[in-house]
Amino acid sequence: IARMKNIQIILILFISTLSLSAADKTKKIHQNLNPKKAKTLIESYDKAKEKLMIIDVRTREEYEQGHLSKAKLIDFFDDAFEKKISALDKKSPYLIHCHSGGRSMKAFKLMKTLGFEKVFHLDGGILAWKSSGNRLKN
């Protein structure tokens, strides 16, 4: 009986260890970044030649006045916004932003709810990006 209890304890420890290591591999990242950290994130993906999808949730008019390089426009006010976001690859990394952070924070929370694995939010949006001395593409 004592031997059986020892085997059960060892099995429980083994299974617990396996569960923890599997959880690490599927760890989801949802972070709010200031402009400096967002710029560093973009540069690190560029340097590693890995794809980071930058999503601008502003209107077309706002986007055309200046946007982050390589940003894809998905207008938050579009009736199909949630459908368009849902259609994106949930395993890819995303940096999401808007003008001042309100719309993109709602989109950020939506993406988290939908099960996206790596979503970063530019805190303060384009306003914060520009006030930090960063440039926009026209």
N, C-alpha and C. Protein backbone atom coordinates (compact mmCIF):
# COMPACT_ATOMS: atom_id res chain seq x y z
N ILE A 1 0.84 -1.20 0.00
CA ILE A 1 0.00 0.00 0.00
C ILE A 1 0.87 1.26 0.00
N ALA A 2 1.92 1.26 0.81
CA ALA A 2 2.83 2.41 0.85
C ALA A 2 3.49 2.62 -0.51
N ARG A 3 3.85 1.51 -1.15
CA ARG A 3 4.48 1.61 -2.48
C ARG A 3 3.51 2.21 -3.50
N MET A 4 2.24 1.83 -3.44
CA MET A 4 1.21 2.36 -4.34
C MET A 4 1.04 3.86 -4.15
N LYS A 5 1.08 4.31 -2.90
CA LYS A 5 0.95 5.75 -2.62
C LYS A 5 2.14 6.50 -3.19
N ASN A 6 3.33 5.92 -3.06
CA ASN A 6 4.53 6.56 -3.62
C ASN A 6 4.41 6.68 -5.14
N ILE A 7 3.94 5.64 -5.77
CA ILE A 7 3.77 5.65 -7.23
C ILE A 7 2.73 6.71 -7.63
N GLN A 8 1.64 6.80 -6.87
CA GLN A 8 0.61 7.80 -7.16
C GLN A 8 1.18 9.22 -7.02
N ILE A 9 1.95 9.45 -5.99
CA ILE A 9 2.55 10.77 -5.77
C ILE A 9 3.50 11.12 -6.92
N ILE A 10 4.32 10.16 -7.32
CA ILE A 10 5.25 10.38 -8.43
C ILE A 10 4.48 10.68 -9.72
N LEU A 11 3.43 9.93 -9.97
CA LEU A 11 2.61 10.18 -11.17
C LEU A 11 1.98 11.56 -11.14
N ILE A 12 1.45 11.94 -10.00
CA ILE A 12 0.82 13.26 -9.87
C ILE A 12 1.85 14.37 -10.12
N LEU A 13 3.04 14.23 -9.55
CA LEU A 13 4.10 15.22 -9.77
C LEU A 13 4.51 15.28 -11.25
N PHE A 14 4.63 14.13 -11.87
CA PHE A 14 5.02 14.04 -13.27
C PHE A 14 3.97 14.72 -14.16
N ILE A 15 2.71 14.42 -13.93
CA ILE A 15 1.62 15.02 -14.72
C ILE A 15 1.56 16.53 -14.49
N SER A 16 1.76 16.97 -13.26
CA SER A 16 1.75 18.41 -12.96
C SER A 16 2.87 19.11 -13.70
N THR A 17 4.05 18.52 -13.73
CA THR A 17 5.19 19.10 -14.43
C THR A 17 4.91 19.20 -15.93
N LEU A 18 4.33 18.16 -16.50
CA LEU A 18 3.97 18.18 -17.93
C LEU A 18 2.97 19.28 -18.21
N SER A 19 1.98 19.45 -17.37
CA SER A 19 0.95 20.48 -17.56
C SER A 19 1.56 21.86 -17.54
N LEU A 20 2.48 22.10 -16.61
CA LEU A 20 3.12 23.40 -16.51
C LEU A 20 3.98 23.71 -17.73
N SER A 21 4.74 22.73 -18.22
CA SER A 21 5.58 22.99 -19.38
C SER A 21 4.74 23.20 -20.63
N ALA A 22 3.62 22.53 -20.75
CA ALA A 22 2.72 22.73 -21.90
C ALA A 22 2.08 24.11 -21.82
N ALA A 23 1.76 24.57 -20.63
CA ALA A 23 1.15 25.89 -20.46
C ALA A 23 2.11 26.99 -20.87
N ASP A 24 3.40 26.83 -20.60
CA ASP A 24 4.40 27.83 -20.99
C ASP A 24 4.45 28.02 -22.50
N LYS A 25 4.33 26.93 -23.25
CA LYS A 25 4.42 27.00 -24.71
C LYS A 25 3.22 27.69 -25.33
N THR A 26 2.09 27.68 -24.66
CA THR A 26 0.90 28.31 -25.21
C THR A 26 0.58 29.62 -24.49
N LYS A 27 1.58 30.17 -23.81
CA LYS A 27 1.37 31.40 -23.05
C LYS A 27 0.96 32.53 -23.99
N LYS A 28 -0.10 33.19 -23.63
CA LYS A 28 -0.60 34.30 -24.44
C LYS A 28 -0.01 35.60 -23.92
N ILE A 29 0.24 36.50 -24.86
CA ILE A 29 0.81 37.80 -24.50
C ILE A 29 -0.16 38.89 -24.94
N HIS A 30 -0.60 39.68 -23.98
CA HIS A 30 -1.46 40.82 -24.25
C HIS A 30 -0.87 41.98 -23.44
N GLN A 31 -0.20 42.92 -24.15
CA GLN A 31 0.50 43.99 -23.44
C GLN A 31 0.14 45.37 -23.96
N ASN A 32 0.10 46.29 -23.03
CA ASN A 32 -0.09 47.70 -23.33
C ASN A 32 1.31 48.32 -23.35
N LEU A 33 1.71 48.94 -24.47
CA LEU A 33 3.06 49.47 -24.60
C LEU A 33 3.08 50.98 -24.79
N ASN A 34 4.04 51.65 -24.16
CA ASN A 34 4.23 53.06 -24.44
C ASN A 34 4.92 53.17 -25.81
N PRO A 35 4.98 54.37 -26.41
CA PRO A 35 5.57 54.50 -27.75
C PRO A 35 7.00 53.99 -27.87
N LYS A 36 7.81 54.20 -26.84
CA LYS A 36 9.20 53.74 -26.89
C LYS A 36 9.26 52.21 -26.99
N LYS A 37 8.46 51.53 -26.15
CA LYS A 37 8.44 50.06 -26.17
C LYS A 37 7.82 49.54 -27.46
N ALA A 38 6.82 50.25 -27.98
CA ALA A 38 6.19 49.84 -29.24
C ALA A 38 7.20 49.95 -30.39
N LYS A 39 7.97 51.03 -30.40
CA LYS A 39 8.98 51.22 -31.45
C LYS A 39 10.04 50.11 -31.36
N THR A 40 10.46 49.79 -30.14
CA THR A 40 11.44 48.72 -29.93
C THR A 40 10.87 47.38 -30.41
N LEU A 41 9.59 47.14 -30.13
CA LEU A 41 8.93 45.91 -30.57
C LEU A 41 8.95 45.81 -32.10
N ILE A 42 8.56 46.88 -32.78
CA ILE A 42 8.54 46.91 -34.25
C ILE A 42 9.94 46.65 -34.79
N GLU A 43 10.93 47.33 -34.22
CA GLU A 43 12.32 47.16 -34.68
C GLU A 43 12.82 45.74 -34.45
N SER A 44 12.44 45.13 -33.33
CA SER A 44 12.91 43.76 -33.05
C SER A 44 12.32 42.76 -34.04
N TYR A 45 11.07 42.94 -34.41
CA TYR A 45 10.45 42.06 -35.41
C TYR A 45 11.10 42.29 -36.78
N ASP A 46 11.35 43.56 -37.13
CA ASP A 46 12.01 43.86 -38.42
C ASP A 46 13.40 43.25 -38.47
N LYS A 47 14.15 43.41 -37.39
CA LYS A 47 15.52 42.91 -37.33
C LYS A 47 15.55 41.38 -37.46
N ALA A 48 14.60 40.73 -36.83
CA ALA A 48 14.53 39.26 -36.87
C ALA A 48 13.85 38.77 -38.16
N LYS A 49 13.44 39.71 -38.99
CA LYS A 49 12.72 39.40 -40.24
C LYS A 49 11.48 38.55 -39.97
N GLU A 50 10.83 38.86 -38.86
CA GLU A 50 9.57 38.20 -38.51
C GLU A 50 8.43 39.18 -38.73
N LYS A 51 7.26 38.65 -38.99
CA LYS A 51 6.12 39.50 -39.30
C LYS A 51 5.36 39.92 -38.05
N LEU A 52 5.21 41.22 -37.89
CA LEU A 52 4.36 41.81 -36.87
C LEU A 52 3.32 42.60 -37.64
N MET A 53 2.07 42.24 -37.49
CA MET A 53 1.02 42.96 -38.21
C MET A 53 0.60 44.16 -37.39
N ILE A 54 0.70 45.34 -37.99
CA ILE A 54 0.30 46.58 -37.34
C ILE A 54 -1.08 46.94 -37.85
N ILE A 55 -2.02 47.06 -36.92
CA ILE A 55 -3.40 47.36 -37.29
C ILE A 55 -3.79 48.74 -36.78
N ASP A 56 -4.20 49.58 -37.72
CA ASP A 56 -4.67 50.94 -37.43
C ASP A 56 -6.19 50.88 -37.48
N VAL A 57 -6.86 51.18 -36.37
CA VAL A 57 -8.32 51.09 -36.32
C VAL A 57 -9.01 52.44 -36.49
N ARG A 58 -8.27 53.42 -36.99
CA ARG A 58 -8.86 54.74 -37.23
C ARG A 58 -9.66 54.73 -38.54
N THR A 59 -10.24 55.87 -38.87
CA THR A 59 -10.98 56.00 -40.13
C THR A 59 -10.00 56.18 -41.28
N ARG A 60 -10.48 55.97 -42.51
CA ARG A 60 -9.63 56.15 -43.70
C ARG A 60 -9.05 57.56 -43.73
N GLU A 61 -9.86 58.57 -43.40
CA GLU A 61 -9.40 59.96 -43.42
C GLU A 61 -8.24 60.17 -42.43
N GLU A 62 -8.38 59.62 -41.23
CA GLU A 62 -7.31 59.72 -40.24
C GLU A 62 -6.05 59.00 -40.73
N TYR A 63 -6.23 57.82 -41.27
CA TYR A 63 -5.13 57.01 -41.78
C TYR A 63 -4.35 57.75 -42.86
N GLU A 64 -5.08 58.38 -43.78
CA GLU A 64 -4.44 59.09 -44.90
C GLU A 64 -3.67 60.33 -44.46
N GLN A 65 -3.96 60.85 -43.29
CA GLN A 65 -3.22 62.00 -42.77
C GLN A 65 -1.85 61.60 -42.22
N GLY A 66 -1.63 60.31 -42.07
CA GLY A 66 -0.36 59.79 -41.57
C GLY A 66 -0.59 58.54 -40.75
N HIS A 67 0.26 57.54 -40.97
CA HIS A 67 0.09 56.27 -40.28
C HIS A 67 1.46 55.63 -40.05
N LEU A 68 1.49 54.61 -39.22
CA LEU A 68 2.72 53.87 -38.99
C LEU A 68 3.06 53.09 -40.25
N SER A 69 4.34 52.96 -40.52
CA SER A 69 4.79 52.21 -41.68
C SER A 69 4.26 50.78 -41.61
N LYS A 70 3.77 50.28 -42.73
CA LYS A 70 3.25 48.91 -42.88
C LYS A 70 1.93 48.66 -42.14
N ALA A 71 1.29 49.72 -41.64
CA ALA A 71 0.04 49.53 -40.90
C ALA A 71 -1.11 49.21 -41.86
N LYS A 72 -1.93 48.26 -41.44
CA LYS A 72 -3.12 47.88 -42.20
C LYS A 72 -4.32 48.56 -41.55
N LEU A 73 -5.15 49.18 -42.37
CA LEU A 73 -6.33 49.87 -41.87
C LEU A 73 -7.51 48.91 -41.74
N ILE A 74 -8.06 48.84 -40.53
CA ILE A 74 -9.33 48.14 -40.28
C ILE A 74 -10.14 49.10 -39.41
N ASP A 75 -11.01 49.87 -40.06
CA ASP A 75 -11.77 50.94 -39.41
C ASP A 75 -12.68 50.39 -38.31
N PHE A 76 -12.48 50.90 -37.11
CA PHE A 76 -13.26 50.47 -35.94
C PHE A 76 -14.76 50.71 -36.15
N PHE A 77 -15.10 51.76 -36.91
CA PHE A 77 -16.51 52.11 -37.11
C PHE A 77 -17.16 51.34 -38.26
N ASP A 78 -16.41 50.54 -38.98
CA ASP A 78 -16.94 49.71 -40.06
C ASP A 78 -17.89 48.67 -39.46
N ASP A 79 -19.05 48.49 -40.07
CA ASP A 79 -20.02 47.51 -39.58
C ASP A 79 -19.44 46.11 -39.53
N ALA A 80 -18.47 45.83 -40.40
CA ALA A 80 -17.87 44.49 -40.48
C ALA A 80 -16.57 44.41 -39.66
N PHE A 81 -16.33 45.37 -38.77
CA PHE A 81 -15.07 45.41 -38.01
C PHE A 81 -14.80 44.10 -37.27
N GLU A 82 -15.75 43.66 -36.47
CA GLU A 82 -15.54 42.45 -35.67
C GLU A 82 -15.32 41.23 -36.58
N LYS A 83 -16.03 41.17 -37.69
CA LYS A 83 -15.88 40.07 -38.64
C LYS A 83 -14.47 40.09 -39.24
N LYS A 84 -13.98 41.29 -39.59
CA LYS A 84 -12.64 41.42 -40.18
C LYS A 84 -11.56 41.03 -39.17
N ILE A 85 -11.73 41.45 -37.93
CA ILE A 85 -10.76 41.10 -36.88
C ILE A 85 -10.79 39.59 -36.65
N SER A 86 -11.99 39.03 -36.56
CA SER A 86 -12.14 37.58 -36.31
C SER A 86 -11.49 36.73 -37.40
N ALA A 87 -11.42 37.26 -38.62
CA ALA A 87 -10.86 36.51 -39.75
C ALA A 87 -9.33 36.47 -39.74
N LEU A 88 -8.69 37.27 -38.89
CA LEU A 88 -7.23 37.31 -38.84
C LEU A 88 -6.68 36.06 -38.15
N ASP A 89 -5.42 35.74 -38.46
CA ASP A 89 -4.75 34.59 -37.87
C ASP A 89 -4.50 34.84 -36.38
N LYS A 90 -5.07 34.04 -35.54
CA LYS A 90 -4.98 34.24 -34.08
C LYS A 90 -3.61 33.92 -33.51
N LYS A 91 -2.75 33.25 -34.30
CA LYS A 91 -1.41 32.91 -33.82
C LYS A 91 -0.37 33.98 -34.17
N SER A 92 -0.68 34.85 -35.12
CA SER A 92 0.26 35.91 -35.52
C SER A 92 0.31 37.01 -34.47
N PRO A 93 1.44 37.73 -34.38
CA PRO A 93 1.53 38.85 -33.45
C PRO A 93 0.98 40.15 -34.07
N TYR A 94 0.32 40.95 -33.25
CA TYR A 94 -0.30 42.19 -33.71
C TYR A 94 0.06 43.36 -32.78
N LEU A 95 0.22 44.52 -33.39
CA LEU A 95 0.32 45.79 -32.66
C LEU A 95 -0.87 46.60 -33.13
N ILE A 96 -1.72 47.00 -32.21
CA ILE A 96 -2.95 47.69 -32.56
C ILE A 96 -2.93 49.11 -32.00
N HIS A 97 -3.47 50.06 -32.79
CA HIS A 97 -3.48 51.45 -32.34
C HIS A 97 -4.58 52.25 -33.03
N CYS A 98 -4.86 53.43 -32.47
CA CYS A 98 -5.80 54.36 -33.08
C CYS A 98 -5.25 55.77 -32.88
N HIS A 99 -6.10 56.75 -32.76
CA HIS A 99 -5.65 58.13 -32.62
C HIS A 99 -5.11 58.42 -31.21
N SER A 100 -5.92 58.07 -30.19
CA SER A 100 -5.50 58.38 -28.83
C SER A 100 -5.54 57.18 -27.87
N GLY A 101 -6.01 56.04 -28.34
CA GLY A 101 -5.99 54.83 -27.53
C GLY A 101 -7.34 54.26 -27.15
N GLY A 102 -8.41 55.01 -27.34
CA GLY A 102 -9.74 54.54 -26.93
C GLY A 102 -10.29 53.41 -27.79
N ARG A 103 -10.36 53.64 -29.09
CA ARG A 103 -10.88 52.61 -30.00
C ARG A 103 -9.98 51.38 -30.01
N SER A 104 -8.67 51.63 -30.03
CA SER A 104 -7.76 50.48 -30.10
C SER A 104 -7.78 49.67 -28.81
N MET A 105 -8.04 50.30 -27.67
CA MET A 105 -8.14 49.54 -26.43
C MET A 105 -9.36 48.62 -26.48
N LYS A 106 -10.46 49.11 -27.06
CA LYS A 106 -11.65 48.26 -27.21
C LYS A 106 -11.34 47.10 -28.16
N ALA A 107 -10.63 47.38 -29.25
CA ALA A 107 -10.24 46.35 -30.20
C ALA A 107 -9.27 45.36 -29.56
N PHE A 108 -8.34 45.87 -28.76
CA PHE A 108 -7.37 45.06 -28.03
C PHE A 108 -8.10 44.05 -27.13
N LYS A 109 -9.09 44.54 -26.39
CA LYS A 109 -9.87 43.67 -25.50
C LYS A 109 -10.67 42.65 -26.30
N LEU A 110 -11.21 43.07 -27.44
CA LEU A 110 -11.95 42.16 -28.31
C LEU A 110 -11.04 41.03 -28.79
N MET A 111 -9.84 41.39 -29.24
CA MET A 111 -8.90 40.38 -29.75
C MET A 111 -8.50 39.40 -28.64
N LYS A 112 -8.34 39.91 -27.45
CA LYS A 112 -8.02 39.06 -26.30
C LYS A 112 -9.16 38.07 -26.06
N THR A 113 -10.39 38.57 -26.09
CA THR A 113 -11.58 37.74 -25.89
C THR A 113 -11.71 36.68 -26.99
N LEU A 114 -11.34 37.05 -28.22
CA LEU A 114 -11.45 36.13 -29.35
C LEU A 114 -10.35 35.07 -29.37
N GLY A 115 -9.38 35.18 -28.46
CA GLY A 115 -8.34 34.16 -28.37
C GLY A 115 -7.06 34.43 -29.13
N PHE A 116 -6.82 35.69 -29.51
CA PHE A 116 -5.56 36.02 -30.18
C PHE A 116 -4.43 35.82 -29.18
N GLU A 117 -3.31 35.26 -29.65
CA GLU A 117 -2.23 34.87 -28.76
C GLU A 117 -1.27 36.00 -28.40
N LYS A 118 -0.94 36.86 -29.37
CA LYS A 118 0.03 37.93 -29.11
C LYS A 118 -0.52 39.26 -29.64
N VAL A 119 -1.02 40.08 -28.72
CA VAL A 119 -1.57 41.37 -29.11
C VAL A 119 -0.93 42.44 -28.23
N PHE A 120 -0.38 43.44 -28.90
CA PHE A 120 0.23 44.57 -28.22
C PHE A 120 -0.59 45.82 -28.56
N HIS A 121 -0.73 46.71 -27.59
CA HIS A 121 -1.53 47.92 -27.78
C HIS A 121 -0.63 49.14 -27.60
N LEU A 122 -0.67 50.06 -28.57
CA LEU A 122 0.09 51.30 -28.47
C LEU A 122 -0.70 52.26 -27.57
N ASP A 123 -0.28 52.38 -26.33
CA ASP A 123 -0.95 53.23 -25.35
C ASP A 123 -0.84 54.69 -25.78
N GLY A 124 -1.97 55.35 -25.89
CA GLY A 124 -1.99 56.76 -26.28
C GLY A 124 -2.06 56.97 -27.79
N GLY A 125 -1.99 55.89 -28.55
CA GLY A 125 -2.18 55.95 -30.00
C GLY A 125 -1.18 56.82 -30.75
N ILE A 126 -1.63 57.29 -31.91
CA ILE A 126 -0.81 58.12 -32.79
C ILE A 126 -0.38 59.41 -32.09
N LEU A 127 -1.23 59.95 -31.26
CA LEU A 127 -0.87 61.19 -30.53
C LEU A 127 0.38 60.97 -29.69
N ALA A 128 0.41 59.88 -28.94
CA ALA A 128 1.57 59.56 -28.09
C ALA A 128 2.78 59.24 -28.95
N TRP A 129 2.56 58.52 -30.05
CA TRP A 129 3.64 58.15 -30.98
C TRP A 129 4.34 59.42 -31.49
N LYS A 130 3.53 60.38 -31.96
CA LYS A 130 4.10 61.63 -32.50
C LYS A 130 4.75 62.47 -31.41
N SER A 131 4.12 62.55 -30.24
CA SER A 131 4.69 63.39 -29.18
C SER A 131 5.99 62.80 -28.63
N SER A 132 6.24 61.53 -28.92
CA SER A 132 7.51 60.90 -28.52
C SER A 132 8.60 61.13 -29.57
N GLY A 133 8.28 61.89 -30.61
CA GLY A 133 9.27 62.21 -31.64
C GLY A 133 9.33 61.21 -32.79
N ASN A 134 8.41 60.26 -32.81
CA ASN A 134 8.39 59.27 -33.89
C ASN A 134 7.65 59.83 -35.11
N ARG A 135 8.04 59.33 -36.26
CA ARG A 135 7.46 59.82 -37.52
C ARG A 135 6.34 58.91 -38.02
N LEU A 136 5.52 59.51 -38.89
CA LEU A 136 4.46 58.77 -39.55
C LEU A 136 4.73 58.73 -41.04
N LYS A 137 4.12 57.77 -41.72
CA LYS A 137 4.23 57.65 -43.17
C LYS A 137 2.95 58.22 -43.78
N ASN A 138 3.08 58.95 -44.87
CA ASN A 138 1.88 59.51 -45.54
C ASN A 138 1.51 58.71 -46.76
